[in-house]
């Protein structure tokens, strides 16, 4: 959906309909955040599968992942819309805006908070999970090598 909204965004913004442009910008923002959120959930799943291998039963795990994966981005979008729906638009009101044929977030502060900071949190989480998984794999490998040396002696 992110690709479809992105590819049709410029064409739909040419109709000069403010409501359509706000909807397209909101959908683009939502699906971008959803992609980031699902990437984060994959790293959490990776952690649970490789580090917390045993005794990790989460009731209704898939349902909880779906609620988080689709719900967290929706909360961010709703907050942006509640603050000011005019944060989304096509930028045609500004001569200095190079993205005048593209419906997207118009306010730089909103962009940095709701996209860049969101991505940064996901990136930090993924990095922490990756380092933890690598450490776990390395420690298992070291233990296995110690055991094999012991049995060879």
N, C-alpha and C. Protein backbone atom coordinates (compact mmCIF):
# COMPACT_ATOMS: atom_id res chain seq x y z
N UNK A 1 0.82 -1.20 0.00
CA UNK A 1 0.00 0.00 0.00
C UNK A 1 0.86 1.26 0.00
N UNK A 2 2.01 1.20 0.69
CA UNK A 2 2.90 2.35 0.68
C UNK A 2 3.34 2.68 -0.74
N UNK A 3 3.70 1.66 -1.49
CA UNK A 3 4.12 1.89 -2.88
C UNK A 3 2.97 2.43 -3.74
N UNK A 4 1.79 1.88 -3.57
CA UNK A 4 0.65 2.34 -4.37
C UNK A 4 0.30 3.80 -4.07
N UNK A 5 0.29 4.15 -2.80
CA UNK A 5 -0.03 5.54 -2.42
C UNK A 5 1.07 6.47 -2.91
N UNK A 6 2.31 6.04 -2.78
CA UNK A 6 3.42 6.87 -3.23
C UNK A 6 3.36 7.11 -4.74
N UNK A 7 3.07 6.05 -5.50
CA UNK A 7 3.05 6.19 -6.96
C UNK A 7 1.87 7.00 -7.47
N UNK A 8 0.76 6.96 -6.77
CA UNK A 8 -0.41 7.72 -7.23
C UNK A 8 -0.49 9.12 -6.62
N UNK A 9 0.37 9.41 -5.66
CA UNK A 9 0.30 10.67 -4.93
C UNK A 9 0.45 11.89 -5.84
N UNK A 10 1.47 11.90 -6.65
CA UNK A 10 1.72 13.06 -7.51
C UNK A 10 0.58 13.28 -8.50
N UNK A 11 0.08 12.20 -9.07
CA UNK A 11 -1.03 12.31 -10.02
C UNK A 11 -2.29 12.85 -9.35
N UNK A 12 -2.61 12.33 -8.16
CA UNK A 12 -3.81 12.78 -7.47
C UNK A 12 -3.68 14.21 -6.94
N UNK A 13 -2.45 14.63 -6.64
CA UNK A 13 -2.28 16.01 -6.18
C UNK A 13 -2.50 17.01 -7.31
N UNK A 14 -2.43 16.57 -8.55
CA UNK A 14 -2.65 17.47 -9.68
C UNK A 14 -4.11 17.88 -9.83
N UNK A 15 -5.03 17.21 -9.14
CA UNK A 15 -6.45 17.57 -9.20
C UNK A 15 -6.78 18.80 -8.35
N UNK A 16 -5.85 19.24 -7.54
CA UNK A 16 -6.01 20.43 -6.68
C UNK A 16 -7.24 20.35 -5.78
N UNK A 17 -7.46 19.19 -5.21
CA UNK A 17 -8.54 18.99 -4.24
C UNK A 17 -7.90 18.87 -2.85
N UNK A 18 -8.10 19.85 -1.98
CA UNK A 18 -7.44 19.82 -0.66
C UNK A 18 -7.77 18.57 0.16
N UNK A 19 -9.00 18.13 0.13
CA UNK A 19 -9.40 16.95 0.90
C UNK A 19 -8.71 15.69 0.38
N UNK A 20 -8.60 15.58 -0.93
CA UNK A 20 -7.94 14.43 -1.54
C UNK A 20 -6.45 14.44 -1.21
N UNK A 21 -5.87 15.63 -1.24
CA UNK A 21 -4.44 15.75 -0.94
C UNK A 21 -4.15 15.43 0.53
N UNK A 22 -5.00 15.90 1.42
CA UNK A 22 -4.82 15.59 2.85
C UNK A 22 -4.95 14.08 3.07
N UNK A 23 -5.91 13.46 2.40
CA UNK A 23 -6.10 12.02 2.53
C UNK A 23 -4.89 11.26 2.01
N UNK A 24 -4.37 11.67 0.86
CA UNK A 24 -3.20 10.99 0.29
C UNK A 24 -1.97 11.17 1.18
N UNK A 25 -1.76 12.37 1.69
CA UNK A 25 -0.62 12.62 2.57
C UNK A 25 -0.75 11.81 3.86
N UNK A 26 -1.97 11.74 4.39
CA UNK A 26 -2.22 10.98 5.60
C UNK A 26 -1.97 9.49 5.35
N UNK A 27 -2.46 8.96 4.22
CA UNK A 27 -2.25 7.55 3.90
C UNK A 27 -0.77 7.24 3.69
N UNK A 28 -0.08 8.13 3.00
CA UNK A 28 1.35 7.93 2.78
C UNK A 28 2.10 7.91 4.11
N UNK A 29 1.77 8.83 4.98
CA UNK A 29 2.39 8.90 6.30
C UNK A 29 2.06 7.63 7.10
N UNK A 30 0.80 7.21 7.08
CA UNK A 30 0.38 6.04 7.83
C UNK A 30 1.11 4.78 7.36
N UNK A 31 1.14 4.54 6.06
CA UNK A 31 1.76 3.32 5.56
C UNK A 31 3.27 3.33 5.73
N UNK A 32 3.89 4.51 5.70
CA UNK A 32 5.31 4.60 5.98
C UNK A 32 5.59 4.23 7.43
N UNK A 33 4.81 4.78 8.36
CA UNK A 33 4.99 4.43 9.77
C UNK A 33 4.65 2.97 10.04
N UNK A 34 3.65 2.44 9.33
CA UNK A 34 3.31 1.02 9.50
C UNK A 34 4.47 0.13 9.04
N UNK A 35 5.13 0.50 7.95
CA UNK A 35 6.28 -0.28 7.49
C UNK A 35 7.40 -0.25 8.54
N UNK A 36 7.66 0.91 9.11
CA UNK A 36 8.67 1.01 10.17
C UNK A 36 8.27 0.17 11.38
N UNK A 37 7.00 0.22 11.76
CA UNK A 37 6.53 -0.51 12.94
C UNK A 37 6.65 -2.01 12.73
N UNK A 38 6.27 -2.49 11.55
CA UNK A 38 6.39 -3.92 11.27
C UNK A 38 7.85 -4.35 11.24
N UNK A 39 8.73 -3.49 10.77
CA UNK A 39 10.16 -3.80 10.80
C UNK A 39 10.63 -3.96 12.24
N UNK A 40 10.14 -3.11 13.12
CA UNK A 40 10.49 -3.20 14.54
C UNK A 40 9.92 -4.49 15.15
N UNK A 41 8.70 -4.83 14.80
CA UNK A 41 8.09 -6.06 15.33
C UNK A 41 8.83 -7.30 14.83
N UNK A 42 9.37 -7.26 13.62
CA UNK A 42 10.16 -8.38 13.12
C UNK A 42 11.42 -8.56 13.96
N UNK A 43 12.05 -7.46 14.36
CA UNK A 43 13.25 -7.59 15.19
C UNK A 43 12.90 -8.14 16.58
N UNK A 44 11.76 -7.75 17.11
CA UNK A 44 11.32 -8.30 18.41
C UNK A 44 11.05 -9.79 18.27
N UNK A 45 10.43 -10.18 17.17
CA UNK A 45 10.17 -11.60 16.92
C UNK A 45 11.49 -12.37 16.77
N UNK A 46 12.44 -11.77 16.07
CA UNK A 46 13.77 -12.36 15.90
C UNK A 46 14.41 -12.59 17.26
N UNK A 47 14.31 -11.61 18.14
CA UNK A 47 14.83 -11.71 19.51
C UNK A 47 14.16 -12.85 20.27
N UNK A 48 12.83 -12.91 20.20
CA UNK A 48 12.11 -13.96 20.92
C UNK A 48 12.46 -15.34 20.39
N UNK A 49 12.66 -15.46 19.08
CA UNK A 49 12.95 -16.76 18.48
C UNK A 49 14.37 -17.24 18.76
N UNK A 50 15.33 -16.33 18.84
CA UNK A 50 16.72 -16.75 18.99
C UNK A 50 17.31 -16.57 20.37
N UNK A 51 16.78 -15.68 21.16
CA UNK A 51 17.34 -15.45 22.50
C UNK A 51 16.44 -16.08 23.56
N UNK A 52 15.18 -15.78 23.53
CA UNK A 52 14.23 -16.33 24.50
C UNK A 52 13.54 -17.55 23.87
N UNK A 53 14.31 -18.56 23.54
CA UNK A 53 13.80 -19.68 22.76
C UNK A 53 12.74 -20.46 23.51
N UNK A 54 12.98 -20.79 24.75
CA UNK A 54 12.07 -21.63 25.51
C UNK A 54 11.21 -20.80 26.45
N UNK A 55 10.06 -21.32 26.78
CA UNK A 55 9.12 -20.70 27.71
C UNK A 55 8.72 -19.29 27.28
N UNK A 56 8.50 -19.11 26.01
CA UNK A 56 8.05 -17.82 25.51
C UNK A 56 6.70 -18.05 24.83
N UNK A 57 5.70 -18.14 25.65
CA UNK A 57 4.35 -18.25 25.10
C UNK A 57 3.64 -16.94 25.37
N UNK A 58 3.27 -16.29 24.30
CA UNK A 58 2.52 -15.04 24.42
C UNK A 58 1.12 -15.34 23.90
N UNK A 59 0.12 -15.27 24.76
CA UNK A 59 -1.24 -15.55 24.29
C UNK A 59 -1.66 -14.53 23.22
N UNK A 60 -2.27 -15.05 22.16
CA UNK A 60 -2.76 -14.22 21.06
C UNK A 60 -1.65 -13.31 20.51
N UNK A 61 -0.51 -13.93 20.26
CA UNK A 61 0.69 -13.21 19.82
C UNK A 61 0.47 -12.47 18.50
N UNK A 62 -0.10 -13.15 17.52
CA UNK A 62 -0.32 -12.55 16.21
C UNK A 62 -1.30 -11.38 16.31
N UNK A 63 -2.35 -11.55 17.11
CA UNK A 63 -3.32 -10.47 17.30
C UNK A 63 -2.64 -9.24 17.92
N UNK A 64 -1.80 -9.46 18.91
CA UNK A 64 -1.10 -8.36 19.56
C UNK A 64 -0.13 -7.68 18.60
N UNK A 65 0.55 -8.48 17.77
CA UNK A 65 1.44 -7.90 16.76
C UNK A 65 0.65 -7.07 15.75
N UNK A 66 -0.50 -7.56 15.33
CA UNK A 66 -1.32 -6.82 14.37
C UNK A 66 -1.84 -5.52 14.98
N UNK A 67 -2.26 -5.58 16.22
CA UNK A 67 -2.74 -4.36 16.88
C UNK A 67 -1.61 -3.34 16.98
N UNK A 68 -0.42 -3.80 17.35
CA UNK A 68 0.72 -2.88 17.43
C UNK A 68 1.15 -2.39 16.05
N UNK A 69 1.23 -3.30 15.10
CA UNK A 69 1.72 -2.96 13.77
C UNK A 69 0.83 -1.99 13.01
N UNK A 70 -0.47 -2.11 13.21
CA UNK A 70 -1.39 -1.20 12.51
C UNK A 70 -1.91 -0.10 13.43
N UNK A 71 -1.88 -0.33 14.75
CA UNK A 71 -2.46 0.63 15.68
C UNK A 71 -1.55 1.78 16.08
N UNK A 72 -0.28 1.49 16.30
CA UNK A 72 0.65 2.55 16.71
C UNK A 72 0.76 3.63 15.64
N UNK A 73 0.93 3.27 14.36
CA UNK A 73 0.93 4.33 13.34
C UNK A 73 -0.38 5.11 13.27
N UNK A 74 -1.49 4.41 13.49
CA UNK A 74 -2.79 5.09 13.47
C UNK A 74 -2.89 6.13 14.59
N UNK A 75 -2.33 5.81 15.74
CA UNK A 75 -2.34 6.76 16.86
C UNK A 75 -1.54 8.01 16.49
N UNK A 76 -0.39 7.83 15.86
CA UNK A 76 0.43 8.98 15.46
C UNK A 76 -0.33 9.85 14.45
N UNK A 77 -0.96 9.21 13.47
CA UNK A 77 -1.71 9.95 12.45
C UNK A 77 -2.87 10.70 13.08
N UNK A 78 -3.59 10.05 13.99
CA UNK A 78 -4.73 10.69 14.65
C UNK A 78 -4.25 11.90 15.47
N UNK A 79 -3.11 11.76 16.14
CA UNK A 79 -2.57 12.89 16.90
C UNK A 79 -2.23 14.07 15.99
N UNK A 80 -1.60 13.78 14.86
CA UNK A 80 -1.27 14.86 13.91
C UNK A 80 -2.54 15.52 13.40
N UNK A 81 -3.54 14.72 13.06
CA UNK A 81 -4.81 15.28 12.56
C UNK A 81 -5.54 16.08 13.63
N UNK A 82 -5.49 15.62 14.88
CA UNK A 82 -6.14 16.35 15.96
C UNK A 82 -5.47 17.69 16.23
N UNK A 83 -4.17 17.72 16.12
CA UNK A 83 -3.45 18.98 16.35
C UNK A 83 -3.79 19.98 15.25
N UNK A 84 -3.63 19.55 14.00
CA UNK A 84 -3.96 20.45 12.88
C UNK A 84 -3.95 19.64 11.59
N UNK A 85 -5.09 19.52 10.95
CA UNK A 85 -5.16 18.75 9.70
C UNK A 85 -4.41 19.42 8.57
N UNK A 86 -4.10 20.71 8.73
CA UNK A 86 -3.37 21.43 7.69
C UNK A 86 -1.87 21.14 7.70
N UNK A 87 -1.42 20.27 8.62
CA UNK A 87 -0.04 19.82 8.54
C UNK A 87 0.18 18.99 7.28
N UNK A 88 -0.90 18.42 6.76
CA UNK A 88 -0.84 17.67 5.51
C UNK A 88 -1.29 18.59 4.39
N UNK A 89 -0.67 18.46 3.22
CA UNK A 89 -1.07 19.28 2.08
C UNK A 89 -0.16 19.07 0.91
N UNK A 90 -0.34 19.91 -0.13
CA UNK A 90 0.45 19.75 -1.35
C UNK A 90 1.55 20.79 -1.50
N UNK A 91 1.63 21.74 -0.62
CA UNK A 91 2.70 22.72 -0.67
C UNK A 91 2.56 23.76 -1.75
N UNK A 92 1.41 23.81 -2.42
CA UNK A 92 1.25 24.77 -3.51
C UNK A 92 1.15 26.20 -3.02
N UNK A 93 0.90 26.39 -1.72
CA UNK A 93 0.80 27.74 -1.17
C UNK A 93 2.17 28.37 -0.96
N UNK A 94 3.24 27.60 -1.11
CA UNK A 94 4.58 28.11 -0.86
C UNK A 94 5.43 28.02 -2.12
N UNK A 95 6.00 29.13 -2.53
CA UNK A 95 6.86 29.14 -3.71
C UNK A 95 8.20 28.46 -3.43
N UNK A 96 8.64 28.49 -2.19
CA UNK A 96 9.96 27.94 -1.85
C UNK A 96 9.92 26.43 -1.63
N UNK A 97 8.73 25.84 -1.62
CA UNK A 97 8.61 24.41 -1.37
C UNK A 97 8.85 23.64 -2.67
N UNK A 98 9.90 22.82 -2.74
CA UNK A 98 10.18 22.08 -3.98
C UNK A 98 9.23 20.93 -4.23
N UNK A 99 8.42 20.55 -3.23
CA UNK A 99 7.52 19.41 -3.38
C UNK A 99 6.10 19.89 -3.64
N UNK A 100 5.93 20.81 -4.55
CA UNK A 100 4.61 21.40 -4.73
C UNK A 100 3.62 20.47 -5.42
N UNK A 101 4.06 19.42 -6.10
CA UNK A 101 3.10 18.49 -6.70
C UNK A 101 3.02 17.19 -5.91
N UNK A 102 3.29 17.24 -4.66
CA UNK A 102 3.30 16.01 -3.88
C UNK A 102 2.63 16.27 -2.54
N UNK A 103 1.66 15.46 -2.21
CA UNK A 103 0.94 15.61 -0.94
C UNK A 103 1.75 14.95 0.17
N UNK A 104 2.13 15.73 1.14
CA UNK A 104 2.98 15.22 2.21
C UNK A 104 2.86 16.15 3.41
N UNK A 105 3.64 15.93 4.44
CA UNK A 105 3.64 16.75 5.64
C UNK A 105 4.26 18.10 5.30
N UNK A 106 3.56 19.18 5.64
CA UNK A 106 4.02 20.52 5.29
C UNK A 106 4.87 21.18 6.35
N UNK A 107 4.75 20.75 7.59
CA UNK A 107 5.47 21.37 8.70
C UNK A 107 6.72 20.56 9.02
N UNK A 108 7.87 21.22 9.04
CA UNK A 108 9.13 20.52 9.28
C UNK A 108 9.20 19.91 10.67
N UNK A 109 8.68 20.59 11.67
CA UNK A 109 8.71 20.05 13.04
C UNK A 109 7.90 18.77 13.12
N UNK A 110 6.72 18.77 12.52
CA UNK A 110 5.88 17.56 12.51
C UNK A 110 6.59 16.44 11.77
N UNK A 111 7.23 16.77 10.66
CA UNK A 111 7.97 15.75 9.90
C UNK A 111 9.08 15.14 10.75
N UNK A 112 9.87 15.99 11.41
CA UNK A 112 10.99 15.48 12.19
C UNK A 112 10.53 14.67 13.40
N UNK A 113 9.43 15.05 14.00
CA UNK A 113 8.94 14.31 15.16
C UNK A 113 8.23 13.02 14.75
N UNK A 114 7.34 13.11 13.76
CA UNK A 114 6.50 11.96 13.45
C UNK A 114 7.10 11.00 12.42
N UNK A 115 8.16 11.38 11.76
CA UNK A 115 8.80 10.46 10.81
C UNK A 115 10.24 10.17 11.22
N UNK A 116 11.05 11.19 11.32
CA UNK A 116 12.47 10.98 11.60
C UNK A 116 12.68 10.41 13.00
N UNK A 117 12.04 10.99 14.01
CA UNK A 117 12.20 10.48 15.37
C UNK A 117 11.62 9.08 15.49
N UNK A 118 10.50 8.84 14.83
CA UNK A 118 9.88 7.51 14.84
C UNK A 118 10.84 6.48 14.24
N UNK A 119 11.40 6.83 13.08
CA UNK A 119 12.36 5.93 12.45
C UNK A 119 13.58 5.72 13.34
N UNK A 120 14.06 6.78 13.99
CA UNK A 120 15.22 6.68 14.85
C UNK A 120 14.96 5.72 16.01
N UNK A 121 13.76 5.77 16.61
CA UNK A 121 13.42 4.84 17.68
C UNK A 121 13.37 3.40 17.18
N UNK A 122 12.81 3.21 16.00
CA UNK A 122 12.77 1.86 15.41
C UNK A 122 14.18 1.38 15.12
N UNK A 123 15.01 2.27 14.59
CA UNK A 123 16.39 1.91 14.28
C UNK A 123 17.16 1.53 15.54
N UNK A 124 16.99 2.29 16.63
CA UNK A 124 17.65 1.95 17.89
C UNK A 124 17.18 0.61 18.43
N UNK A 125 15.88 0.37 18.36
CA UNK A 125 15.34 -0.91 18.82
C UNK A 125 15.90 -2.06 17.99
N UNK A 126 15.91 -1.91 16.67
CA UNK A 126 16.44 -2.96 15.80
C UNK A 126 17.92 -3.21 16.06
N UNK A 127 18.67 -2.15 16.27
CA UNK A 127 20.10 -2.29 16.55
C UNK A 127 20.32 -3.02 17.87
N UNK A 128 19.55 -2.67 18.90
CA UNK A 128 19.68 -3.34 20.19
C UNK A 128 19.32 -4.82 20.08
N UNK A 129 18.25 -5.13 19.37
CA UNK A 129 17.87 -6.53 19.18
C UNK A 129 18.93 -7.29 18.39
N UNK A 130 19.48 -6.67 17.37
CA UNK A 130 20.49 -7.31 16.55
C UNK A 130 21.75 -7.61 17.36
N UNK A 131 22.19 -6.65 18.15
CA UNK A 131 23.39 -6.85 18.99
C UNK A 131 23.13 -7.95 20.02
N UNK A 132 21.95 -7.96 20.61
CA UNK A 132 21.60 -9.00 21.58
C UNK A 132 21.60 -10.38 20.94
N UNK A 133 21.03 -10.49 19.76
CA UNK A 133 20.99 -11.78 19.07
C UNK A 133 22.40 -12.22 18.68
N UNK A 134 23.22 -11.30 18.18
CA UNK A 134 24.61 -11.66 17.83
C UNK A 134 25.38 -12.12 19.07
N UNK A 135 25.17 -11.43 20.18
CA UNK A 135 25.84 -11.82 21.43
C UNK A 135 25.39 -13.22 21.86
N UNK A 136 24.12 -13.50 21.74
CA UNK A 136 23.59 -14.81 22.12
C UNK A 136 24.18 -15.91 21.21
N UNK A 137 24.22 -15.66 19.92
CA UNK A 137 24.77 -16.65 18.99
C UNK A 137 26.26 -16.88 19.29
N UNK A 138 26.98 -15.81 19.56
CA UNK A 138 28.40 -15.93 19.87
C UNK A 138 28.62 -16.72 21.16
N UNK A 139 27.83 -16.46 22.18
CA UNK A 139 28.01 -17.17 23.45
C UNK A 139 27.65 -18.65 23.32
N UNK A 140 26.65 -18.98 22.52
CA UNK A 140 26.30 -20.39 22.30
C UNK A 140 27.43 -21.09 21.56
N UNK A 141 27.98 -20.41 20.59
CA UNK A 141 29.09 -20.98 19.82
C UNK A 141 30.31 -21.20 20.71
N UNK A 142 30.62 -20.25 21.58
CA UNK A 142 31.76 -20.39 22.49
C UNK A 142 31.56 -21.54 23.45
N UNK A 143 30.34 -21.70 23.98
CA UNK A 143 30.05 -22.82 24.89
C UNK A 143 30.19 -24.15 24.17
N UNK A 144 29.73 -24.22 22.94
CA UNK A 144 29.81 -25.45 22.17
C UNK A 144 31.27 -25.82 21.91
N UNK A 145 32.11 -24.85 21.60
CA UNK A 145 33.52 -25.12 21.36
C UNK A 145 34.22 -25.58 22.63
N UNK A 146 33.86 -25.00 23.79
CA UNK A 146 34.45 -25.43 25.05
C UNK A 146 34.09 -26.88 25.34
N UNK A 147 32.83 -27.25 25.12
CA UNK A 147 32.38 -28.62 25.37
C UNK A 147 33.10 -29.60 24.45
N UNK A 148 33.26 -29.23 23.19
CA UNK A 148 33.89 -30.15 22.27
C UNK A 148 35.37 -30.34 22.62
N UNK A 149 36.05 -29.29 23.08
CA UNK A 149 37.43 -29.42 23.54
C UNK A 149 37.52 -30.32 24.77
N UNK A 150 36.55 -30.15 25.69
CA UNK A 150 36.52 -30.96 26.90
C UNK A 150 36.36 -32.45 26.55
N UNK A 151 35.46 -32.78 25.65
CA UNK A 151 35.23 -34.18 25.29
C UNK A 151 36.37 -34.75 24.49
N UNK A 152 37.08 -33.92 23.72
CA UNK A 152 38.25 -34.41 22.99
C UNK A 152 39.38 -34.79 23.94
N UNK A 153 39.51 -34.04 25.06
CA UNK A 153 40.56 -34.34 26.03
C UNK A 153 40.20 -35.62 26.78
